[in-house]
Protein backbone atom coordinates (compact mmCIF):
# COMPACT_ATOMS: atom_id res chain seq x y z
CA MET A 1 0.00 0.00 0.00
CA THR A 2 1.37 3.20 -1.12
CA ARG A 3 1.56 6.41 0.98
CA THR A 4 -1.05 8.05 -1.12
CA GLN A 5 -3.57 5.28 -0.59
CA LEU A 6 -2.90 5.24 3.16
CA LEU A 7 -3.44 8.95 3.43
CA GLY A 8 -6.75 8.72 1.57
CA LEU A 9 -7.92 5.87 3.83
CA LEU A 10 -7.20 7.87 6.98
CA THR A 11 -8.87 10.91 5.59
CA GLY A 12 -12.05 8.99 4.76
CA THR A 13 -12.09 7.30 8.16
CA ILE A 14 -11.80 10.60 9.95
CA ALA A 15 -14.45 12.11 7.73
CA LEU A 16 -16.84 9.28 8.47
CA GLY A 17 -16.26 9.18 12.22
CA LEU A 18 -16.30 12.86 13.08
CA PRO A 19 -20.00 13.60 12.27
CA GLY A 20 -21.28 10.83 14.55
CA LEU A 21 -18.94 11.87 17.29
CA ALA A 22 -19.98 15.48 16.99
CA ALA A 23 -23.64 14.52 17.04
CA ALA A 24 -23.19 12.38 20.12
CA GLN A 25 -21.35 15.16 21.91
CA VAL A 26 -23.50 18.08 20.88
CA TYR A 27 -26.90 16.43 21.36
CA PRO A 28 -26.52 13.92 24.15
CA ASP A 29 -29.68 12.21 25.34
CA PRO A 30 -29.35 11.26 29.02
CA ASN A 31 -32.19 8.71 28.74
CA SER A 32 -30.83 6.89 25.69
CA GLN A 33 -28.67 3.81 25.77
CA PRO A 34 -25.20 4.01 24.35
CA PRO A 35 -24.98 2.52 20.89
CA PRO A 36 -23.60 -1.05 20.71
CA GLU A 37 -20.03 -1.49 20.03
CA GLY A 38 -19.19 -1.18 16.42
CA TYR A 39 -22.39 0.81 15.58
CA TYR A 40 -21.96 3.23 12.77
CA ALA A 41 -24.29 6.22 12.50
CA PRO A 42 -25.14 6.99 8.92
CA PRO A 43 -24.41 10.51 7.78
CA PRO A 44 -27.35 12.84 7.38
CA VAL A 45 -29.20 12.84 4.15
CA GLY A 46 -27.47 14.84 1.56
CA TYR A 47 -24.26 15.06 3.53
CA GLY A 48 -21.34 15.15 1.21
CA GLN A 49 -23.61 15.75 -1.77
CA PRO A 50 -23.21 18.88 -3.85
CA TYR A 51 -25.70 21.71 -2.99
CA GLN A 52 -28.86 21.44 -4.96
CA PRO A 53 -30.77 24.75 -5.02
CA PRO A 54 -34.56 24.46 -4.73
CA PRO A 55 -36.39 24.40 -7.98
CA PRO A 56 -37.42 27.89 -9.10
CA GLN A 57 -40.97 28.88 -8.28
CA PRO A 58 -42.96 30.71 -10.93
CA TYR A 59 -43.68 34.36 -10.03
CA GLN A 60 -47.17 34.81 -8.83
CA PRO A 61 -48.03 38.56 -8.99
CA GLN A 62 -50.29 39.81 -6.24
CA PRO A 63 -53.60 41.17 -7.51
CA TYR A 64 -53.80 44.99 -7.44
CA GLN A 65 -55.77 46.24 -4.55
CA PRO A 66 -56.77 49.88 -5.17
CA GLN A 67 -56.53 52.16 -2.18
CA PRO A 68 -59.95 53.38 -1.00
CA ALA A 69 -60.58 57.00 -1.84
CA PRO A 70 -60.28 59.22 1.23
CA VAL A 71 -63.61 60.32 2.62
CA TYR A 72 -63.90 64.10 2.63
CA GLN A 73 -64.51 65.45 6.09
CA PRO A 74 -65.85 69.02 5.90
CA ALA A 75 -64.21 71.49 8.19
CA PRO A 76 -66.24 72.25 11.31
CA VAL A 77 -68.55 75.22 10.86
CA TYR A 78 -67.79 78.11 13.17
CA GLN A 79 -70.70 78.78 15.47
CA PRO A 80 -70.63 82.35 16.78
CA ALA A 81 -71.60 82.93 20.38
CA PRO A 82 -75.34 83.61 20.79
CA VAL A 83 -76.19 87.29 20.83
CA TYR A 84 -78.67 88.42 23.49
CA GLN A 85 -81.75 89.90 21.94
CA PRO A 86 -83.44 92.42 24.25
CA ALA A 87 -87.18 92.23 24.72
CA PRO A 88 -89.10 94.20 22.12
CA VAL A 89 -89.87 97.74 23.19
CA TYR A 90 -93.46 98.79 22.96
CA GLN A 91 -93.77 101.33 20.20
CA GLN A 92 -96.63 103.70 20.76
CA THR A 93 -98.76 104.55 17.79
CA PRO A 94 -97.40 107.81 16.39
CA LEU A 95 -99.57 110.87 16.29
CA PRO A 96 -101.05 112.00 12.98
CA THR A 97 -98.75 113.69 10.53
CA GLY A 98 -97.59 117.01 11.92
CA ARG A 99 -96.19 118.29 15.17
CA SER A 100 -98.16 119.17 18.27
CA LEU A 101 -97.09 122.10 20.39
CA VAL A 102 -98.01 120.22 23.54
CA TYR A 103 -97.07 116.64 22.77
CA GLY A 104 -94.08 117.00 20.43
CA ASP A 105 -93.67 114.01 18.12
CA ARG A 106 -95.29 111.62 20.58
CA PHE A 107 -97.40 111.73 23.72
CA ARG A 108 -95.92 111.31 27.18
CA PRO A 109 -97.73 111.62 30.54
CA GLN A 110 -97.29 115.01 32.22
CA PHE A 111 -97.87 116.56 35.60
CA GLY A 112 -99.09 120.16 35.77
CA LEU A 113 -99.91 122.96 38.18
CA ALA A 114 -102.43 125.64 37.23
CA ALA A 115 -103.88 128.80 38.77
CA ARG A 116 -107.63 129.30 38.47
CA PHE A 117 -109.73 132.48 38.73
CA GLY A 118 -113.47 132.63 38.38
CA GLY A 119 -116.90 133.85 39.29
CA TYR A 120 -119.81 132.01 40.80
CA GLY A 121 -123.52 132.78 40.42
CA ASN A 122 -125.90 131.05 42.84
CA TYR A 123 -129.56 130.83 43.60
CA GLY A 124 -130.72 128.97 46.70
CA SER A 125 -132.52 129.13 50.01
CA PHE A 126 -130.70 132.33 50.96
CA GLY A 127 -131.62 133.98 47.71
CA SER A 128 -129.49 134.77 44.70
CA TYR A 129 -125.99 136.09 44.95
CA SER A 130 -122.71 136.09 43.07
CA THR A 131 -119.19 135.70 44.32
CA GLY A 132 -115.66 135.42 43.04
CA GLY A 133 -112.48 133.70 44.05
CA GLY A 134 -109.40 131.84 43.01
CA GLY A 135 -107.66 128.53 43.51
CA VAL A 136 -105.14 126.03 42.27
CA ASP A 137 -105.46 122.85 40.19
CA LEU A 138 -103.20 119.82 40.06
CA LEU A 139 -103.37 118.44 36.52
CA PHE A 140 -102.39 115.00 35.25
CA ARG A 141 -102.24 114.35 31.51
CA VAL A 142 -102.69 110.58 31.50
CA HIS A 143 -103.73 110.29 27.84
CA ARG A 144 -103.59 112.51 24.78
CA ARG A 145 -107.34 113.06 25.20
CA ILE A 146 -107.75 112.84 29.00
CA THR A 147 -106.58 115.26 31.69
CA LEU A 148 -107.39 114.67 35.36
CA GLU A 149 -107.77 117.62 37.71
CA MET A 150 -107.77 118.06 41.47
CA GLY A 151 -108.93 121.53 42.47
CA LEU A 152 -109.01 123.67 45.60
CA GLN A 153 -110.77 127.07 45.54
CA TYR A 154 -111.71 129.88 47.86
CA GLN A 155 -114.89 131.91 47.20
CA ARG A 156 -116.08 134.85 49.32
CA ILE A 157 -118.95 137.35 49.33
CA SER A 158 -119.75 140.24 51.69
CA GLN A 159 -122.76 142.42 50.99
CA GLU A 160 -125.90 144.08 52.32
CA ASP A 161 -129.22 142.64 51.29
CA LEU A 162 -131.64 145.53 50.93
CA TYR A 163 -134.59 143.22 50.54
CA LEU A 164 -134.29 141.76 54.05
CA ASN A 165 -134.26 144.81 56.35
CA ASP A 166 -130.75 145.88 55.45
CA TYR A 167 -129.56 142.37 56.25
CA GLN A 168 -125.76 142.29 56.13
CA TYR A 169 -123.83 139.05 55.92
CA GLU A 170 -120.52 137.53 54.95
CA ARG A 171 -120.07 134.09 53.43
CA PHE A 172 -117.15 132.09 52.13
CA ASP A 173 -116.99 128.67 50.45
CA VAL A 174 -114.04 126.33 49.95
CA PRO A 175 -114.77 123.72 47.21
CA MET A 176 -112.48 120.67 47.01
CA THR A 177 -113.15 118.66 43.83
CA LEU A 178 -111.84 115.91 41.61
CA GLY A 179 -112.60 116.00 37.91
CA MET A 180 -111.74 114.89 34.40
CA ARG A 181 -111.44 116.75 31.11
CA VAL A 182 -112.07 114.80 27.90
CA HIS A 183 -110.52 116.54 24.88
CA LEU A 184 -112.36 116.37 21.57
CA GLY A 185 -111.06 116.53 18.04
CA ASN A 186 -107.53 116.11 16.74
CA PRO A 187 -104.88 116.11 19.52
CA LEU A 188 -102.70 118.33 17.30
CA TRP A 189 -105.16 121.21 17.33
CA LEU A 190 -103.87 124.41 18.86
CA PHE A 191 -107.31 125.04 20.40
CA SER A 192 -108.59 121.83 21.95
CA PRO A 193 -112.25 121.81 23.09
CA TYR A 194 -113.13 119.55 25.99
CA LEU A 195 -115.96 118.31 28.19
CA VAL A 196 -115.44 118.49 31.92
CA GLY A 197 -117.07 116.86 34.94
CA ALA A 198 -116.14 117.12 38.62
CA GLY A 199 -117.46 116.44 42.09
CA GLY A 200 -116.45 116.86 45.71
CA LEU A 201 -117.12 118.63 49.00
CA VAL A 202 -117.59 122.29 49.94
CA TYR A 203 -117.00 123.81 53.36
CA SER A 204 -119.22 126.90 53.76
CA ARG A 205 -119.66 129.44 56.54
CA LEU A 206 -122.25 132.21 56.77
CA TYR A 207 -121.96 135.05 59.25
CA ALA A 208 -124.57 137.76 59.71
CA PHE A 209 -123.27 140.92 61.28
CA ASP A 210 -126.29 141.25 63.59
CA ALA A 211 -126.73 137.51 64.25
CA VAL A 212 -126.08 135.79 67.55
CA ALA A 213 -123.82 133.15 65.96
CA TYR A 214 -122.56 132.07 62.56
CA GLU A 215 -123.50 128.90 60.73
CA SER A 216 -121.15 126.49 58.91
CA HIS A 217 -121.79 123.24 57.04
CA LEU A 218 -120.38 120.76 54.52
CA PHE A 219 -122.06 120.48 51.12
CA GLY A 220 -121.80 117.97 48.37
CA GLU A 221 -121.08 119.49 44.96
CA VAL A 222 -121.27 118.34 41.33
CA GLN A 223 -120.08 120.23 38.25
CA GLY A 224 -120.33 119.71 34.51
CA GLY A 225 -119.63 121.86 31.47
CA VAL A 226 -117.59 122.64 28.37
CA GLY A 227 -114.41 124.56 27.71
CA PHE A 228 -111.30 124.76 25.56
CA GLU A 229 -107.56 124.63 26.07
CA TRP A 230 -105.19 126.94 24.21
CA ARG A 231 -101.79 125.31 24.01
CA LEU A 232 -99.03 127.87 24.32
CA GLY A 233 -96.20 125.35 23.97
CA PRO A 234 -95.08 121.94 25.21
CA HIS A 235 -95.10 123.16 28.83
CA PHE A 236 -97.82 125.81 29.07
CA ALA A 237 -101.55 125.99 28.40
CA PHE A 238 -104.40 128.43 28.90
CA ASN A 239 -107.94 127.15 29.60
CA PHE A 240 -111.44 128.59 29.83
CA ASP A 241 -114.64 126.74 30.77
CA VAL A 242 -118.22 127.30 31.92
CA ARG A 243 -119.74 124.77 34.31
CA GLY A 244 -123.15 124.20 35.77
CA GLN A 245 -123.02 123.57 39.50
CA GLY A 246 -125.19 122.21 42.27
CA ARG A 247 -124.69 122.12 46.05
CA PHE A 248 -126.86 120.03 48.32
CA ARG A 249 -127.31 119.08 51.95
CA LYS A 250 -130.12 118.00 54.19
CA VAL A 251 -131.64 120.85 56.20
CA GLY A 252 -134.15 120.96 59.02
CA GLU A 253 -137.72 122.13 58.55
CA LEU A 254 -138.35 125.78 59.30
CA GLY A 255 -140.53 126.63 62.26
CA THR A 256 -139.93 123.40 64.21
CA ALA A 257 -139.19 123.69 67.89
CA ASN A 258 -136.08 121.53 67.90
CA SER A 259 -134.33 122.57 64.71
CA THR A 260 -132.95 125.83 63.45
CA GLU A 261 -130.69 124.16 60.90
CA GLY A 262 -130.89 125.98 57.62
CA THR A 263 -132.04 129.25 59.17
CA LEU A 264 -130.40 132.40 60.41
CA THR A 265 -131.94 134.91 62.85
CA ASP A 266 -130.78 138.44 63.44
CA GLU A 267 -130.95 140.45 66.66
CA TYR A 268 -134.39 141.67 65.84
CA GLY A 269 -135.78 138.13 65.58
CA ASN A 270 -135.88 138.04 61.83
CA THR A 271 -135.34 134.45 60.60
CA VAL A 272 -134.33 133.74 57.03
CA PRO A 273 -133.41 130.55 55.15
CA ALA A 274 -129.68 130.01 55.04
CA MET A 275 -127.08 127.47 53.95
CA GLY A 276 -129.52 125.24 52.10
CA PRO A 277 -129.26 123.50 48.71
CA SER A 278 -128.48 125.73 45.76
CA ALA A 279 -127.74 125.70 42.04
CA GLY A 280 -125.71 128.01 39.87
CA PHE A 281 -122.88 128.31 37.37
CA ILE A 282 -119.12 128.83 37.48
CA ILE A 283 -116.89 130.60 34.96
CA ASN A 284 -113.23 129.55 35.23
CA VAL A 285 -110.11 131.04 33.66
CA GLY A 286 -106.73 129.42 34.27
CA ILE A 287 -103.15 129.06 33.11
CA GLY A 288 -100.89 126.14 33.92
CA GLY A 289 -97.45 124.71 33.44
CA PHE A 290 -96.65 121.07 32.65
CA PHE A 291 -93.54 119.04 33.39
């Protein structure tokens, strides 16, 4: 045996024995029995064979999957903060076309103070007489056609009655009334006619110069009439009216033993009717200011 053959034999022996030895050392199994003596482990399949690449696989293209179109999301709409809406303001019906000296472009309630001067003609149980006086009125314009009045007057008469034995007397009356004036026609008129009605109480006192005592009483009073208002501007007005008037009270019967109410006796024993019901008229002239 030549050296070359011996070297090849050793090389093959080593090549055959090393894989089994390596396998036994690297992957020992503690539960397995050692192989019998002289056992030869075959080499793994394909060991020592030339590398055979796997057969080529035909190219299978993946089907085209289109991307879904993006869904359009609109931008959020800007919501402004809520704006507070005030309650509607009552709009009063405007006056007719034009301009009123007293109301301006529109009516507004007004408070006024007026001075009143007038004369009073009366016929009653004491006979007929006339008197004059003055007073003040509180005025309230509550509507373009309605004015309320609250009046206080002082009326006085002092005279000698030639028909009753030179009978001299003095009398004064203080009417306190509440009334209403209803204006007629267009509120823009410079001269505004009105109807007026009023009622209240009157304190009266009668004093005869030769009498033992004076007599005083309270009367009820009613008034009604017509007049007009002359508007001098938005804050001033002149008025004139004529009113019928009646005063009434219950009086005792004349000649009774227990009642002298409604009579007046002088120092000579002359007894005359006095301070009884009466009727008459009033003429009033006034000027007032409004605020």
